[in-house]
Amino acid sequence: MSYIEWKIEEDIGIVVINRPEKRNALNKQVREELFQALKDIEKRRPRAIIITGVKDVFVAGADLYVMKDYTEKEAKEASLHGCRIFSFIEEMDIPSIAAINGWALGGGLELALCCDIRICSENAKLGQPELRLGIIPGYGATFRLPRIVGMGIAKELILTGRIISAQEAKEIGLVNKVVKRDELIEEAKKIAKQISSAKIAVSYAKKAVNKAFDISKEDAIEYISLLYGSLYNTHDTKEGISAYLEKRRPQFKGE
């Protein structure tokens, strides 16, 4: 891979976007390499995946040098391509953590939005400045951002293209935590290690929360009940309850 580096460390997948000469901008190759890396990591079934960028940039957006020559068809295809990959991240059984180490603009913020947890360094700057270029967010911010920060704030950020600080991002609930730059990855690992090792239950909990946004309360109850019931066919659920009653640490197997 030319622009994506990844490894498994302490049962945590770590993905680094490495295109510093273009501020980690997303073009088709970067998106495809990111997708392939995530699929490769998913096969290893780590506890969580951390996504970050090199230097002081998470992702500064999509590649404008490519975008300026798009035809209508090419623009639509690029949007669909990015949306499919970001939806894959959102729907993975494995929880994802965006470790925002600097600028996260446009497609960069959209990448962070599809992750389950977002933390950022004190120097981070976040925003959806697409309207300043005469375009709109193309990878999902228009439906993910309102779910996270509310409709009013989401519309303000998208319509004005305003860039916000790490602290403001924390205040509006866009990120979970702000830490020092040199502590970012360790903090992300710390959060990853706090995620339950009962991997099936984790994946079901993630599915249940995601699904709740798209269906009625009644349908959500039905869906949750199905997931809850099916867990009792797994080794891990029986082991988790038995271990608690026997006052010992559970030995989860992911099955």
C-alpha atoms as a PDB file:
ATOM      1  CA  MET A   1       0.000   0.000   0.000  1.00  0.00           C
ATOM      2  CA  SER A   2       1.238   3.482  -0.864  1.00  0.00           C
ATOM      3  CA  TYR A   3      -0.765   5.662   1.511  1.00  0.00           C
ATOM      4  CA  ILE A   4      -2.103   3.426   4.283  1.00  0.00           C
ATOM      5  CA  GLU A   5      -0.098   1.751   7.038  1.00  0.00           C
ATOM      6  CA  TRP A   6      -1.664  -0.662   9.488  1.00  0.00           C
ATOM      7  CA  LYS A   7      -0.786  -3.110  12.234  1.00  0.00           C
ATOM      8  CA  ILE A   8      -2.337  -5.126  15.045  1.00  0.00           C
ATOM      9  CA  GLU A   9      -0.990  -4.224  18.467  1.00  0.00           C
ATOM     10  CA  GLU A  10      -2.323  -5.572  21.769  1.00  0.00           C
ATOM     11  CA  ASP A  11      -5.477  -6.819  20.014  1.00  0.00           C
ATOM     12  CA  ILE A  12      -6.058  -3.325  18.573  1.00  0.00           C
ATOM     13  CA  GLY A  13      -5.933  -2.481  14.883  1.00  0.00           C
ATOM     14  CA  ILE A  14      -4.122   0.781  14.132  1.00  0.00           C
ATOM     15  CA  VAL A  15      -4.605   2.412  10.729  1.00  0.00           C
ATOM     16  CA  VAL A  16      -2.498   5.413   9.699  1.00  0.00           C
ATOM     17  CA  ILE A  17      -3.253   7.542   6.642  1.00  0.00           C
ATOM     18  CA  ASN A  18       0.159   8.541   5.295  1.00  0.00           C
ATOM     19  CA  ARG A  19       0.015  11.052   2.459  1.00  0.00           C
ATOM     20  CA  PRO A  20       1.690  14.080   4.045  1.00  0.00           C
ATOM     21  CA  GLU A  21       2.554  15.814   0.778  1.00  0.00           C
ATOM     22  CA  LYS A  22      -1.209  16.206   0.164  1.00  0.00           C
ATOM     23  CA  ARG A  23      -2.179  16.637   3.821  1.00  0.00           C
ATOM     24  CA  ASN A  24      -3.607  13.101   3.782  1.00  0.00           C
ATOM     25  CA  ALA A  25      -6.251  14.159   1.258  1.00  0.00           C
ATOM     26  CA  LEU A  26      -8.629  11.434   0.125  1.00  0.00           C
ATOM     27  CA  ASN A  27      -8.461  10.416  -3.507  1.00  0.00           C
ATOM     28  CA  LYS A  28      -9.709   7.153  -4.989  1.00  0.00           C
ATOM     29  CA  GLN A  29      -6.484   5.287  -4.246  1.00  0.00           C
ATOM     30  CA  VAL A  30      -6.409   6.402  -0.615  1.00  0.00           C
ATOM     31  CA  ARG A  31     -10.044   5.397  -0.176  1.00  0.00           C
ATOM     32  CA  GLU A  32      -9.464   1.994  -1.764  1.00  0.00           C
ATOM     33  CA  GLU A  33      -6.343   1.326   0.294  1.00  0.00           C
ATOM     34  CA  LEU A  34      -8.192   2.336   3.456  1.00  0.00           C
ATOM     35  CA  PHE A  35     -11.040  -0.021   2.546  1.00  0.00           C
ATOM     36  CA  GLN A  36      -8.648  -2.911   1.894  1.00  0.00           C
ATOM     37  CA  ALA A  37      -6.757  -2.306   5.136  1.00  0.00           C
ATOM     38  CA  LEU A  38      -9.982  -2.320   7.131  1.00  0.00           C
ATOM     39  CA  LYS A  39     -11.123  -5.559   5.492  1.00  0.00           C
ATOM     40  CA  ASP A  40      -7.749  -7.159   6.239  1.00  0.00           C
ATOM     41  CA  ILE A  41      -7.917  -6.031   9.868  1.00  0.00           C
ATOM     42  CA  GLU A  42     -11.524  -7.197  10.218  1.00  0.00           C
ATOM     43  CA  LYS A  43     -10.405 -10.757   9.433  1.00  0.00           C
ATOM     44  CA  ARG A  44      -8.108 -10.609  12.478  1.00  0.00           C
ATOM     45  CA  ARG A  45     -11.064  -9.663  14.707  1.00  0.00           C
ATOM     46  CA  PRO A  46      -9.274  -7.199  17.039  1.00  0.00           C
ATOM     47  CA  ARG A  47     -11.060  -5.592  19.948  1.00  0.00           C
ATOM     48  CA  ALA A  48     -11.141  -2.184  18.214  1.00  0.00           C
ATOM     49  CA  ILE A  49      -9.655  -0.197  15.344  1.00  0.00           C
ATOM     50  CA  ILE A  50      -7.956   3.197  15.686  1.00  0.00           C
ATOM     51  CA  ILE A  51      -7.801   5.436  12.612  1.00  0.00           C
ATOM     52  CA  THR A  52      -5.409   8.397  12.534  1.00  0.00           C
ATOM     53  CA  GLY A  53      -3.157  10.406  10.207  1.00  0.00           C
ATOM     54  CA  VAL A  54       0.505  11.380  10.046  1.00  0.00           C
ATOM     55  CA  LYS A  55       2.034  14.569  11.424  1.00  0.00           C
ATOM     56  CA  ASP A  56      -0.558  17.203  12.381  1.00  0.00           C
ATOM     57  CA  VAL A  57      -3.240  16.243   9.885  1.00  0.00           C
ATOM     58  CA  PHE A  58      -5.962  13.640  10.265  1.00  0.00           C
ATOM     59  CA  VAL A  59      -7.410  14.166   6.791  1.00  0.00           C
ATOM     60  CA  ALA A  60      -7.596  17.670   5.301  1.00  0.00           C
ATOM     61  CA  GLY A  61     -10.418  16.712   2.939  1.00  0.00           C
ATOM     62  CA  ALA A  62     -10.773  15.216  -0.511  1.00  0.00           C
ATOM     63  CA  ASP A  63      -8.188  15.858  -3.222  1.00  0.00           C
ATOM     64  CA  LEU A  64      -9.196  19.137  -4.876  1.00  0.00           C
ATOM     65  CA  TYR A  65      -6.676  18.704  -7.683  1.00  0.00           C
ATOM     66  CA  VAL A  66      -8.640  15.655  -8.778  1.00  0.00           C
ATOM     67  CA  MET A  67     -12.078  17.078  -7.989  1.00  0.00           C
ATOM     68  CA  LYS A  68     -11.686  20.210 -10.099  1.00  0.00           C
ATOM     69  CA  ASP A  69     -11.921  18.162 -13.312  1.00  0.00           C
ATOM     70  CA  TYR A  70     -14.813  15.899 -12.282  1.00  0.00           C
ATOM     71  CA  THR A  71     -17.702  15.374 -14.647  1.00  0.00           C
ATOM     72  CA  GLU A  72     -21.151  14.964 -13.119  1.00  0.00           C
ATOM     73  CA  LYS A  73     -20.821  11.182 -13.477  1.00  0.00           C
ATOM     74  CA  GLU A  74     -17.369  11.099 -11.890  1.00  0.00           C
ATOM     75  CA  ALA A  75     -18.493  13.260  -8.969  1.00  0.00           C
ATOM     76  CA  LYS A  76     -21.459  10.977  -8.286  1.00  0.00           C
ATOM     77  CA  GLU A  77     -19.256   7.884  -8.471  1.00  0.00           C
ATOM     78  CA  ALA A  78     -16.714   9.413  -6.076  1.00  0.00           C
ATOM     79  CA  SER A  79     -19.465  10.266  -3.594  1.00  0.00           C
ATOM     80  CA  LEU A  80     -20.941   6.759  -3.762  1.00  0.00           C
ATOM     81  CA  HIS A  81     -17.486   5.210  -3.405  1.00  0.00           C
ATOM     82  CA  GLY A  82     -16.717   7.229  -0.291  1.00  0.00           C
ATOM     83  CA  CYS A  83     -20.173   6.642   1.195  1.00  0.00           C
ATOM     84  CA  ARG A  84     -19.889   2.878   0.762  1.00  0.00           C
ATOM     85  CA  ILE A  85     -16.513   2.748   2.472  1.00  0.00           C
ATOM     86  CA  PHE A  86     -17.583   5.000   5.325  1.00  0.00           C
ATOM     87  CA  SER A  87     -20.779   2.967   5.772  1.00  0.00           C
ATOM     88  CA  PHE A  88     -18.600  -0.138   5.984  1.00  0.00           C
ATOM     89  CA  ILE A  89     -16.706   1.457   8.879  1.00  0.00           C
ATOM     90  CA  GLU A  90     -19.933   2.481  10.579  1.00  0.00           C
ATOM     91  CA  GLU A  91     -21.429  -1.003  10.233  1.00  0.00           C
ATOM     92  CA  MET A  92     -18.353  -3.099  11.083  1.00  0.00           C
ATOM     93  CA  ASP A  93     -18.737  -5.480  13.996  1.00  0.00           C
ATOM     94  CA  ILE A  94     -15.498  -4.012  15.346  1.00  0.00           C
ATOM     95  CA  PRO A  95     -15.726  -0.630  17.140  1.00  0.00           C
ATOM     96  CA  SER A  96     -13.727   2.167  15.550  1.00  0.00           C
ATOM     97  CA  ILE A  97     -11.995   5.122  17.187  1.00  0.00           C
ATOM     98  CA  ALA A  98     -11.013   8.229  15.247  1.00  0.00           C
ATOM     99  CA  ALA A  99      -7.821   9.651  16.772  1.00  0.00           C
ATOM    100  CA  ILE A 100      -7.969  13.142  15.259  1.00  0.00           C
ATOM    101  CA  ASN A 101      -4.400  14.403  15.409  1.00  0.00           C
ATOM    102  CA  GLY A 102      -4.887  17.728  13.625  1.00  0.00           C
ATOM    103  CA  TRP A 103      -6.887  19.085  10.700  1.00  0.00           C
ATOM    104  CA  ALA A 104     -10.079  17.117   9.982  1.00  0.00           C
ATOM    105  CA  LEU A 105     -11.917  18.953   7.237  1.00  0.00           C
ATOM    106  CA  GLY A 106     -14.532  17.948   4.680  1.00  0.00           C
ATOM    107  CA  GLY A 107     -14.073  14.273   3.888  1.00  0.00           C
ATOM    108  CA  GLY A 108     -11.708  14.050   6.847  1.00  0.00           C
ATOM    109  CA  LEU A 109     -14.383  15.024   9.317  1.00  0.00           C
ATOM    110  CA  GLU A 110     -16.804  12.719   7.488  1.00  0.00           C
ATOM    111  CA  LEU A 111     -14.358   9.861   8.072  1.00  0.00           C
ATOM    112  CA  ALA A 112     -14.297  10.693  11.777  1.00  0.00           C
ATOM    113  CA  LEU A 113     -18.103  10.913  11.876  1.00  0.00           C
ATOM    114  CA  CYS A 114     -18.528   7.318  10.736  1.00  0.00           C
ATOM    115  CA  CYS A 115     -16.335   6.074  13.594  1.00  0.00           C
ATOM    116  CA  ASP A 116     -17.973   5.030  16.856  1.00  0.00           C
ATOM    117  CA  ILE A 117     -15.791   7.155  19.128  1.00  0.00           C
ATOM    118  CA  ARG A 118     -13.884  10.358  18.369  1.00  0.00           C
ATOM    119  CA  ILE A 119     -11.037  11.834  20.379  1.00  0.00           C
ATOM    120  CA  CYS A 120      -8.805  14.659  19.266  1.00  0.00           C
ATOM    121  CA  SER A 121      -5.630  16.467  20.184  1.00  0.00           C
ATOM    122  CA  GLU A 122      -5.647  20.037  21.463  1.00  0.00           C
ATOM    123  CA  ASN A 123      -4.369  21.336  18.131  1.00  0.00           C
ATOM    124  CA  ALA A 124      -7.171  19.773  16.072  1.00  0.00           C
ATOM    125  CA  LYS A 125      -9.362  21.861  13.780  1.00  0.00           C
ATOM    126  CA  LEU A 126     -12.612  20.407  12.480  1.00  0.00           C
ATOM    127  CA  GLY A 127     -15.167  21.501   9.920  1.00  0.00           C
ATOM    128  CA  GLN A 128     -17.238  20.929   6.800  1.00  0.00           C
ATOM    129  CA  PRO A 129     -16.093  23.792   4.542  1.00  0.00           C
ATOM    130  CA  GLU A 130     -17.451  22.326   1.298  1.00  0.00           C
ATOM    131  CA  LEU A 131     -20.010  25.095   0.683  1.00  0.00           C
ATOM    132  CA  ARG A 132     -17.143  27.594   0.483  1.00  0.00           C
ATOM    133  CA  LEU A 133     -16.153  25.702  -2.674  1.00  0.00           C
ATOM    134  CA  GLY A 134     -19.655  25.608  -4.087  1.00  0.00           C
ATOM    135  CA  ILE A 135     -20.190  21.920  -3.261  1.00  0.00           C
ATOM    136  CA  ILE A 136     -21.804  19.959  -0.431  1.00  0.00           C
ATOM    137  CA  PRO A 137     -20.427  17.230   1.856  1.00  0.00           C
ATOM    138  CA  GLY A 138     -20.366  14.082  -0.261  1.00  0.00           C
ATOM    139  CA  TYR A 139     -19.493  11.265   2.159  1.00  0.00           C
ATOM    140  CA  GLY A 140     -22.296  11.350   4.709  1.00  0.00           C
ATOM    141  CA  ALA A 141     -21.939  14.421   6.949  1.00  0.00           C
ATOM    142  CA  THR A 142     -25.418  15.613   5.999  1.00  0.00           C
ATOM    143  CA  PHE A 143     -27.000  12.688   7.842  1.00  0.00           C
ATOM    144  CA  ARG A 144     -24.328  11.732  10.397  1.00  0.00           C
ATOM    145  CA  LEU A 145     -23.492  15.171  11.783  1.00  0.00           C
ATOM    146  CA  PRO A 146     -27.101  15.991  12.850  1.00  0.00           C
ATOM    147  CA  ARG A 147     -27.302  12.694  14.715  1.00  0.00           C
ATOM    148  CA  ILE A 148     -24.210  13.572  16.709  1.00  0.00           C
ATOM    149  CA  VAL A 149     -24.526  17.303  17.422  1.00  0.00           C
ATOM    150  CA  GLY A 150     -28.198  18.011  16.651  1.00  0.00           C
ATOM    151  CA  MET A 151     -29.901  19.527  13.631  1.00  0.00           C
ATOM    152  CA  GLY A 152     -29.322  23.188  14.430  1.00  0.00           C
ATOM    153  CA  ILE A 153     -25.589  22.982  15.068  1.00  0.00           C
ATOM    154  CA  ALA A 154     -25.100  20.609  12.127  1.00  0.00           C
ATOM    155  CA  LYS A 155     -26.815  23.041   9.755  1.00  0.00           C
ATOM    156  CA  GLU A 156     -24.750  25.924  11.092  1.00  0.00           C
ATOM    157  CA  LEU A 157     -21.467  24.089  10.593  1.00  0.00           C
ATOM    158  CA  ILE A 158     -22.381  22.859   7.115  1.00  0.00           C
ATOM    159  CA  LEU A 159     -23.998  26.060   5.833  1.00  0.00           C
ATOM    160  CA  THR A 160     -21.295  28.397   7.143  1.00  0.00           C
ATOM    161  CA  GLY A 161     -18.327  26.077   6.599  1.00  0.00           C
ATOM    162  CA  ARG A 162     -16.979  27.332   9.933  1.00  0.00           C
ATOM    163  CA  ILE A 163     -13.848  25.641  11.267  1.00  0.00           C
ATOM    164  CA  ILE A 164     -14.013  24.897  14.975  1.00  0.00           C
ATOM    165  CA  SER A 165     -11.418  24.197  17.643  1.00  0.00           C
ATOM    166  CA  ALA A 166     -10.941  20.950  19.531  1.00  0.00           C
ATOM    167  CA  GLN A 167     -12.469  22.507  22.633  1.00  0.00           C
ATOM    168  CA  GLU A 168     -15.606  23.645  20.807  1.00  0.00           C
ATOM    169  CA  ALA A 169     -15.893  20.203  19.228  1.00  0.00           C
ATOM    170  CA  LYS A 170     -15.898  18.735  22.740  1.00  0.00           C
ATOM    171  CA  GLU A 171     -18.466  21.260  23.972  1.00  0.00           C
ATOM    172  CA  ILE A 172     -20.967  20.432  21.216  1.00  0.00           C
ATOM    173  CA  GLY A 173     -20.477  16.680  21.566  1.00  0.00           C
ATOM    174  CA  LEU A 174     -18.702  16.206  18.267  1.00  0.00           C
ATOM    175  CA  VAL A 175     -15.745  14.531  19.998  1.00  0.00           C
ATOM    176  CA  ASN A 176     -15.696  12.509  23.194  1.00  0.00           C
ATOM    177  CA  LYS A 177     -12.409  13.780  24.571  1.00  0.00           C
ATOM    178  CA  VAL A 178      -9.575  16.268  23.963  1.00  0.00           C
ATOM    179  CA  VAL A 179      -6.022  15.329  24.951  1.00  0.00           C
ATOM    180  CA  LYS A 180      -2.472  16.527  24.427  1.00  0.00           C
ATOM    181  CA  ARG A 181      -1.007  15.759  20.999  1.00  0.00           C
ATOM    182  CA  ASP A 182       1.635  13.368  22.319  1.00  0.00           C
ATOM    183  CA  GLU A 183      -0.952  11.486  24.377  1.00  0.00           C
ATOM    184  CA  LEU A 184      -3.509  10.958  21.607  1.00  0.00           C
ATOM    185  CA  ILE A 185      -2.679   7.430  20.442  1.00  0.00           C
ATOM    186  CA  GLU A 186      -2.105   6.128  23.959  1.00  0.00           C
ATOM    187  CA  GLU A 187      -5.450   7.577  25.015  1.00  0.00           C
ATOM    188  CA  ALA A 188      -7.110   5.931  22.014  1.00  0.00           C
ATOM    189  CA  LYS A 189      -5.513   2.618  22.994  1.00  0.00           C
ATOM    190  CA  LYS A 190      -6.691   3.104  26.563  1.00  0.00           C
ATOM    191  CA  ILE A 191     -10.272   3.554  25.376  1.00  0.00           C
ATOM    192  CA  ALA A 192      -9.940   0.545  23.056  1.00  0.00           C
ATOM    193  CA  LYS A 193      -8.780  -1.624  25.962  1.00  0.00           C
ATOM    194  CA  GLN A 194     -11.800  -0.537  27.995  1.00  0.00           C
ATOM    195  CA  ILE A 195     -14.149  -1.910  25.344  1.00  0.00           C
ATOM    196  CA  SER A 196     -15.466  -5.283  26.445  1.00  0.00           C
ATOM    197  CA  SER A 197     -13.621  -8.340  25.165  1.00  0.00           C
ATOM    198  CA  ALA A 198     -17.021 -10.017  24.663  1.00  0.00           C
ATOM    199  CA  LYS A 199     -16.741  -9.294  20.950  1.00  0.00           C
ATOM    200  CA  ILE A 200     -20.090 -10.724  19.861  1.00  0.00           C
ATOM    201  CA  ALA A 201     -21.958  -8.724  22.484  1.00  0.00           C
ATOM    202  CA  VAL A 202     -20.003  -5.597  21.477  1.00  0.00           C
ATOM    203  CA  SER A 203     -20.960  -6.047  17.828  1.00  0.00           C
ATOM    204  CA  TYR A 204     -24.614  -6.592  18.760  1.00  0.00           C
ATOM    205  CA  ALA A 205     -24.644  -3.504  20.993  1.00  0.00           C
ATOM    206  CA  LYS A 206     -23.198  -1.438  18.143  1.00  0.00           C
ATOM    207  CA  LYS A 207     -25.817  -2.797  15.718  1.00  0.00           C
ATOM    208  CA  ALA A 208     -28.619  -2.014  18.161  1.00  0.00           C
ATOM    209  CA  VAL A 209     -27.514   1.592  18.696  1.00  0.00           C
ATOM    210  CA  ASN A 210     -26.992   2.211  14.973  1.00  0.00           C
ATOM    211  CA  LYS A 211     -30.343   0.694  14.033  1.00  0.00           C
ATOM    212  CA  ALA A 212     -32.259   2.768  16.588  1.00  0.00           C
ATOM    213  CA  PHE A 213     -31.754   5.913  14.495  1.00  0.00           C
ATOM    214  CA  ASP A 214     -33.495   4.469  11.458  1.00  0.00           C
ATOM    215  CA  ILE A 215     -36.561   2.690  12.836  1.00  0.00           C
ATOM    216  CA  SER A 216     -39.515   3.314  15.139  1.00  0.00           C
ATOM    217  CA  LYS A 217     -39.362   2.654  18.864  1.00  0.00           C
ATOM    218  CA  GLU A 218     -41.527  -0.434  18.415  1.00  0.00           C
ATOM    219  CA  ASP A 219     -39.289  -1.833  15.683  1.00  0.00           C
ATOM    220  CA  ALA A 220     -36.221  -1.008  17.779  1.00  0.00           C
ATOM    221  CA  ILE A 221     -37.636  -2.999  20.679  1.00  0.00           C
ATOM    222  CA  GLU A 222     -38.285  -5.973  18.400  1.00  0.00           C
ATOM    223  CA  TYR A 223     -34.787  -5.749  16.910  1.00  0.00           C
ATOM    224  CA  ILE A 224     -33.081  -5.453  20.297  1.00  0.00           C
ATOM    225  CA  SER A 225     -35.068  -8.406  21.635  1.00  0.00           C
ATOM    226  CA  LEU A 226     -33.928 -10.560  18.715  1.00  0.00           C
ATOM    227  CA  LEU A 227     -30.292  -9.621  19.262  1.00  0.00           C
ATOM    228  CA  TYR A 228     -30.555 -10.107  23.006  1.00  0.00           C
ATOM    229  CA  GLY A 229     -32.129 -13.527  22.642  1.00  0.00           C
ATOM    230  CA  SER A 230     -29.640 -14.751  20.050  1.00  0.00           C
ATOM    231  CA  LEU A 231     -26.728 -13.935  22.378  1.00  0.00           C
ATOM    232  CA  TYR A 232     -27.869 -16.786  24.606  1.00  0.00           C
ATOM    233  CA  ASN A 233     -26.806 -19.202  21.888  1.00  0.00           C
ATOM    234  CA  THR A 234     -23.191 -18.070  22.292  1.00  0.00           C
ATOM    235  CA  HIS A 235     -20.408 -19.342  24.503  1.00  0.00           C
ATOM    236  CA  ASP A 236     -19.457 -15.844  25.633  1.00  0.00           C
ATOM    237  CA  THR A 237     -22.834 -14.976  27.154  1.00  0.00           C
ATOM    238  CA  LYS A 238     -22.943 -18.183  29.194  1.00  0.00           C
ATOM    239  CA  GLU A 239     -19.303 -17.684  30.185  1.00  0.00           C
ATOM    240  CA  GLY A 240     -19.812 -14.033  31.152  1.00  0.00           C
ATOM    241  CA  ILE A 241     -22.744 -14.742  33.447  1.00  0.00           C
ATOM    242  CA  SER A 242     -21.104 -17.830  34.975  1.00  0.00           C
ATOM    243  CA  ALA A 243     -17.863 -15.967  35.593  1.00  0.00           C
ATOM    244  CA  TYR A 244     -19.686 -13.152  37.368  1.00  0.00           C
ATOM    245  CA  LEU A 245     -21.596 -15.574  39.620  1.00  0.00           C
ATOM    246  CA  GLU A 246     -18.398 -17.515  40.324  1.00  0.00           C
ATOM    247  CA  LYS A 247     -16.461 -14.297  41.007  1.00  0.00           C
ATOM    248  CA  ARG A 248     -13.753 -14.874  38.390  1.00  0.00           C
ATOM    249  CA  ARG A 249     -12.588 -13.204  35.197  1.00  0.00           C
ATOM    250  CA  PRO A 250     -14.503 -14.371  32.115  1.00  0.00           C
ATOM    251  CA  GLN A 251     -12.655 -16.186  29.352  1.00  0.00           C
ATOM    252  CA  PHE A 252     -14.376 -14.899  26.229  1.00  0.00           C
ATOM    253  CA  LYS A 253     -13.689 -16.692  22.932  1.00  0.00           C
ATOM    254  CA  GLY A 254     -15.612 -14.548  20.473  1.00  0.00           C
ATOM    255  CA  GLU A 255     -18.051 -17.369  19.823  1.00  0.00           C
END
